[in-house]
Amino acid sequence: MSKVERDEALAELRKELMRLKSQVKTGLTPDNPSRINHIQKSIAQILTVKEELE
């Protein structure tokens, strides 16, 4: 995965995480509540790879 692809994936995941968290705060139940945890782990993995390569 190239640097550009990682940055794009990171931005997209953060945007989706923000959307899901706002649903929870407004009282709505997300379609898949475990998706929040999965997205957080994916973000952490991308950031870890990014730090290792820099």
PDB file of N, CA and C in Angstrom:
ATOM      1  N   MET A   1       0.851  -1.170   0.000  1.00  0.00           N
ATOM      2  CA  MET A   1       0.000   0.000   0.000  1.00  0.00           C
ATOM      3  C   MET A   1       0.897   1.234   0.000  1.00  0.00           C
ATOM      4  N   SER A   2       0.678   2.114  -0.939  1.00  0.00           N
ATOM      5  CA  SER A   2       1.518   3.304  -1.044  1.00  0.00           C
ATOM      6  C   SER A   2       1.114   4.355  -0.016  1.00  0.00           C
ATOM      7  N   LYS A   3       1.956   5.356   0.120  1.00  0.00           N
ATOM      8  CA  LYS A   3       1.691   6.427   1.090  1.00  0.00           C
ATOM      9  C   LYS A   3       0.381   7.134   0.779  1.00  0.00           C
ATOM     10  N   VAL A   4       0.114   7.379  -0.479  1.00  0.00           N
ATOM     11  CA  VAL A   4      -1.115   8.065  -0.878  1.00  0.00           C
ATOM     12  C   VAL A   4      -2.336   7.205  -0.544  1.00  0.00           C
ATOM     13  N   GLU A   5      -2.244   5.911  -0.831  1.00  0.00           N
ATOM     14  CA  GLU A   5      -3.348   5.004  -0.532  1.00  0.00           C
ATOM     15  C   GLU A   5      -3.610   4.936   0.960  1.00  0.00           C
ATOM     16  N   ARG A   6      -2.529   4.901   1.768  1.00  0.00           N
ATOM     17  CA  ARG A   6      -2.692   4.875   3.231  1.00  0.00           C
ATOM     18  C   ARG A   6      -3.372   6.135   3.720  1.00  0.00           C
ATOM     19  N   ASP A   7      -2.935   7.284   3.204  1.00  0.00           N
ATOM     20  CA  ASP A   7      -3.529   8.549   3.629  1.00  0.00           C
ATOM     21  C   ASP A   7      -5.004   8.629   3.244  1.00  0.00           C
ATOM     22  N   GLU A   8      -5.341   8.148   2.053  1.00  0.00           N
ATOM     23  CA  GLU A   8      -6.742   8.156   1.622  1.00  0.00           C
ATOM     24  C   GLU A   8      -7.586   7.218   2.482  1.00  0.00           C
ATOM     25  N   ALA A   9      -7.063   6.029   2.755  1.00  0.00           N
ATOM     26  CA  ALA A   9      -7.788   5.066   3.581  1.00  0.00           C
ATOM     27  C   ALA A   9      -7.974   5.610   4.991  1.00  0.00           C
ATOM     28  N   LEU A  10      -6.944   6.248   5.517  1.00  0.00           N
ATOM     29  CA  LEU A  10      -7.015   6.820   6.853  1.00  0.00           C
ATOM     30  C   LEU A  10      -8.079   7.912   6.930  1.00  0.00           C
ATOM     31  N   ALA A  11      -8.107   8.778   5.942  1.00  0.00           N
ATOM     32  CA  ALA A  11      -9.104   9.852   5.919  1.00  0.00           C
ATOM     33  C   ALA A  11     -10.514   9.287   5.813  1.00  0.00           C
ATOM     34  N   GLU A  12     -10.684   8.285   4.974  1.00  0.00           N
ATOM     35  CA  GLU A  12     -12.007   7.681   4.798  1.00  0.00           C
ATOM     36  C   GLU A  12     -12.468   6.976   6.076  1.00  0.00           C
ATOM     37  N   LEU A  13     -11.561   6.244   6.719  1.00  0.00           N
ATOM     38  CA  LEU A  13     -11.913   5.558   7.962  1.00  0.00           C
ATOM     39  C   LEU A  13     -12.257   6.548   9.070  1.00  0.00           C
ATOM     40  N   ARG A  14     -11.502   7.622   9.166  1.00  0.00           N
ATOM     41  CA  ARG A  14     -11.791   8.631  10.187  1.00  0.00           C
ATOM     42  C   ARG A  14     -13.146   9.287   9.951  1.00  0.00           C
ATOM     43  N   LYS A  15     -13.471   9.529   8.687  1.00  0.00           N
ATOM     44  CA  LYS A  15     -14.757  10.130   8.349  1.00  0.00           C
ATOM     45  C   LYS A  15     -15.908   9.190   8.736  1.00  0.00           C
ATOM     46  N   GLU A  16     -15.737   7.902   8.426  1.00  0.00           N
ATOM     47  CA  GLU A  16     -16.773   6.925   8.762  1.00  0.00           C
ATOM     48  C   GLU A  16     -16.905   6.765  10.270  1.00  0.00           C
ATOM     49  N   LEU A  17     -15.777   6.776  10.981  1.00  0.00           N
ATOM     50  CA  LEU A  17     -15.806   6.670  12.435  1.00  0.00           C
ATOM     51  C   LEU A  17     -16.539   7.856  13.039  1.00  0.00           C
ATOM     52  N   MET A  18     -16.286   9.046  12.527  1.00  0.00           N
ATOM     53  CA  MET A  18     -16.965  10.228  13.026  1.00  0.00           C
ATOM     54  C   MET A  18     -18.477  10.126  12.788  1.00  0.00           C
ATOM     55  N   ARG A  19     -18.862   9.615  11.620  1.00  0.00           N
ATOM     56  CA  ARG A  19     -20.281   9.467  11.299  1.00  0.00           C
ATOM     57  C   ARG A  19     -20.951   8.473  12.249  1.00  0.00           C
ATOM     58  N   LEU A  20     -20.296   7.340  12.490  1.00  0.00           N
ATOM     59  CA  LEU A  20     -20.869   6.325  13.378  1.00  0.00           C
ATOM     60  C   LEU A  20     -20.957   6.827  14.823  1.00  0.00           C
ATOM     61  N   LYS A  21     -19.928   7.528  15.274  1.00  0.00           N
ATOM     62  CA  LYS A  21     -19.959   8.050  16.644  1.00  0.00           C
ATOM     63  C   LYS A  21     -21.036   9.103  16.814  1.00  0.00           C
ATOM     64  N   SER A  22     -21.269   9.898  15.776  1.00  0.00           N
ATOM     65  CA  SER A  22     -22.326  10.907  15.870  1.00  0.00           C
ATOM     66  C   SER A  22     -23.694  10.233  15.903  1.00  0.00           C
ATOM     67  N   GLN A  23     -23.857   9.103  15.213  1.00  0.00           N
ATOM     68  CA  GLN A  23     -25.112   8.358  15.291  1.00  0.00           C
ATOM     69  C   GLN A  23     -25.369   7.874  16.710  1.00  0.00           C
ATOM     70  N   VAL A  24     -24.322   7.371  17.350  1.00  0.00           N
ATOM     71  CA  VAL A  24     -24.456   6.867  18.711  1.00  0.00           C
ATOM     72  C   VAL A  24     -24.814   8.012  19.664  1.00  0.00           C
ATOM     73  N   LYS A  25     -24.174   9.160  19.506  1.00  0.00           N
ATOM     74  CA  LYS A  25     -24.423  10.294  20.390  1.00  0.00           C
ATOM     75  C   LYS A  25     -25.835  10.853  20.242  1.00  0.00           C
ATOM     76  N   THR A  26     -26.403  10.747  19.035  1.00  0.00           N
ATOM     77  CA  THR A  26     -27.756  11.259  18.827  1.00  0.00           C
ATOM     78  C   THR A  26     -28.815  10.242  19.211  1.00  0.00           C
ATOM     79  N   GLY A  27     -28.391   9.063  19.630  1.00  0.00           N
ATOM     80  CA  GLY A  27     -29.329   8.059  20.098  1.00  0.00           C
ATOM     81  C   GLY A  27     -29.703   7.017  19.062  1.00  0.00           C
ATOM     82  N   LEU A  28     -29.167   7.121  17.873  1.00  0.00           N
ATOM     83  CA  LEU A  28     -29.443   6.125  16.844  1.00  0.00           C
ATOM     84  C   LEU A  28     -28.528   4.922  17.029  1.00  0.00           C
ATOM     85  N   THR A  29     -29.009   3.772  16.654  1.00  0.00           N
ATOM     86  CA  THR A  29     -28.188   2.572  16.709  1.00  0.00           C
ATOM     87  C   THR A  29     -27.583   2.331  15.333  1.00  0.00           C
ATOM     88  N   PRO A  30     -26.263   2.259  15.254  1.00  0.00           N
ATOM     89  CA  PRO A  30     -25.632   1.986  13.954  1.00  0.00           C
ATOM     90  C   PRO A  30     -26.041   0.604  13.437  1.00  0.00           C
ATOM     91  N   ASP A  31     -25.961   0.428  12.127  1.00  0.00           N
ATOM     92  CA  ASP A  31     -26.309  -0.858  11.520  1.00  0.00           C
ATOM     93  C   ASP A  31     -25.474  -1.989  12.112  1.00  0.00           C
ATOM     94  N   ASN A  32     -24.202  -1.718  12.322  1.00  0.00           N
ATOM     95  CA  ASN A  32     -23.289  -2.726  12.855  1.00  0.00           C
ATOM     96  C   ASN A  32     -22.443  -2.065  13.943  1.00  0.00           C
ATOM     97  N   PRO A  33     -22.862  -2.158  15.205  1.00  0.00           N
ATOM     98  CA  PRO A  33     -22.134  -1.479  16.287  1.00  0.00           C
ATOM     99  C   PRO A  33     -20.672  -1.917  16.430  1.00  0.00           C
ATOM    100  N   SER A  34     -20.362  -3.150  16.088  1.00  0.00           N
ATOM    101  CA  SER A  34     -18.978  -3.613  16.214  1.00  0.00           C
ATOM    102  C   SER A  34     -18.086  -2.986  15.145  1.00  0.00           C
ATOM    103  N   ARG A  35     -18.674  -2.347  14.161  1.00  0.00           N
ATOM    104  CA  ARG A  35     -17.907  -1.686  13.090  1.00  0.00           C
ATOM    105  C   ARG A  35     -17.044  -0.568  13.670  1.00  0.00           C
ATOM    106  N   ILE A  36     -17.515   0.093  14.730  1.00  0.00           N
ATOM    107  CA  ILE A  36     -16.742   1.174  15.354  1.00  0.00           C
ATOM    108  C   ILE A  36     -15.399   0.633  15.847  1.00  0.00           C
ATOM    109  N   ASN A  37     -15.446  -0.493  16.541  1.00  0.00           N
ATOM    110  CA  ASN A  37     -14.219  -1.100  17.060  1.00  0.00           C
ATOM    111  C   ASN A  37     -13.301  -1.532  15.921  1.00  0.00           C
ATOM    112  N   HIS A  38     -13.884  -2.097  14.878  1.00  0.00           N
ATOM    113  CA  HIS A  38     -13.097  -2.543  13.721  1.00  0.00           C
ATOM    114  C   HIS A  38     -12.409  -1.347  13.046  1.00  0.00           C
ATOM    115  N   ILE A  39     -13.118  -0.244  12.900  1.00  0.00           N
ATOM    116  CA  ILE A  39     -12.547   0.947  12.267  1.00  0.00           C
ATOM    117  C   ILE A  39     -11.409   1.499  13.114  1.00  0.00           C
ATOM    118  N   GLN A  40     -11.597   1.539  14.433  1.00  0.00           N
ATOM    119  CA  GLN A  40     -10.544   2.037  15.312  1.00  0.00           C
ATOM    120  C   GLN A  40      -9.284   1.190  15.196  1.00  0.00           C
ATOM    121  N   LYS A  41      -9.448  -0.121  15.105  1.00  0.00           N
ATOM    122  CA  LYS A  41      -8.291  -1.004  14.959  1.00  0.00           C
ATOM    123  C   LYS A  41      -7.605  -0.788  13.615  1.00  0.00           C
ATOM    124  N   SER A  42      -8.397  -0.591  12.573  1.00  0.00           N
ATOM    125  CA  SER A  42      -7.824  -0.358  11.245  1.00  0.00           C
ATOM    126  C   SER A  42      -7.028   0.939  11.218  1.00  0.00           C
ATOM    127  N   ILE A  43      -7.554   1.974  11.857  1.00  0.00           N
ATOM    128  CA  ILE A  43      -6.850   3.256  11.938  1.00  0.00           C
ATOM    129  C   ILE A  43      -5.518   3.062  12.669  1.00  0.00           C
ATOM    130  N   ALA A  44      -5.558   2.333  13.777  1.00  0.00           N
ATOM    131  CA  ALA A  44      -4.336   2.088  14.543  1.00  0.00           C
ATOM    132  C   ALA A  44      -3.304   1.323  13.716  1.00  0.00           C
ATOM    133  N   GLN A  45      -3.752   0.348  12.937  1.00  0.00           N
ATOM    134  CA  GLN A  45      -2.836  -0.418  12.107  1.00  0.00           C
ATOM    135  C   GLN A  45      -2.184   0.458  11.037  1.00  0.00           C
ATOM    136  N   ILE A  46      -2.976   1.298  10.413  1.00  0.00           N
ATOM    137  CA  ILE A  46      -2.429   2.184   9.377  1.00  0.00           C
ATOM    138  C   ILE A  46      -1.427   3.151   9.990  1.00  0.00           C
ATOM    139  N   LEU A  47      -1.751   3.712  11.150  1.00  0.00           N
ATOM    140  CA  LEU A  47      -0.830   4.649  11.797  1.00  0.00           C
ATOM    141  C   LEU A  47       0.460   3.956  12.227  1.00  0.00           C
ATOM    142  N   THR A  48       0.361   2.706  12.671  1.00  0.00           N
ATOM    143  CA  THR A  48       1.550   1.948  13.061  1.00  0.00           C
ATOM    144  C   THR A  48       2.460   1.721  11.863  1.00  0.00           C
ATOM    145  N   VAL A  49       1.891   1.308  10.755  1.00  0.00           N
ATOM    146  CA  VAL A  49       2.682   1.092   9.540  1.00  0.00           C
ATOM    147  C   VAL A  49       3.316   2.400   9.084  1.00  0.00           C
ATOM    148  N   LYS A  50       2.534   3.457   9.165  1.00  0.00           N
ATOM    149  CA  LYS A  50       3.024   4.776   8.749  1.00  0.00           C
ATOM    150  C   LYS A  50       4.237   5.200   9.591  1.00  0.00           C
ATOM    151  N   GLU A  51       4.173   4.981  10.894  1.00  0.00           N
ATOM    152  CA  GLU A  51       5.286   5.331  11.781  1.00  0.00           C
ATOM    153  C   GLU A  51       6.509   4.455  11.514  1.00  0.00           C
ATOM    154  N   GLU A  52       6.291   3.175  11.241  1.00  0.00           N
ATOM    155  CA  GLU A  52       7.424   2.269  10.986  1.00  0.00           C
ATOM    156  C   GLU A  52       8.165   2.647   9.706  1.00  0.00           C
ATOM    157  N   LEU A  53       7.427   3.138   8.718  1.00  0.00           N
ATOM    158  CA  LEU A  53       8.052   3.461   7.442  1.00  0.00           C
ATOM    159  C   LEU A  53       8.708   4.827   7.424  1.00  0.00           C
ATOM    160  N   GLU A  54       8.382   5.664   8.366  1.00  0.00           N
ATOM    161  CA  GLU A  54       8.972   7.021   8.376  1.00  0.00           C
ATOM    162  C   GLU A  54      10.266   7.059   9.126  1.00  0.00           C
TER     163      GLU A  54
END
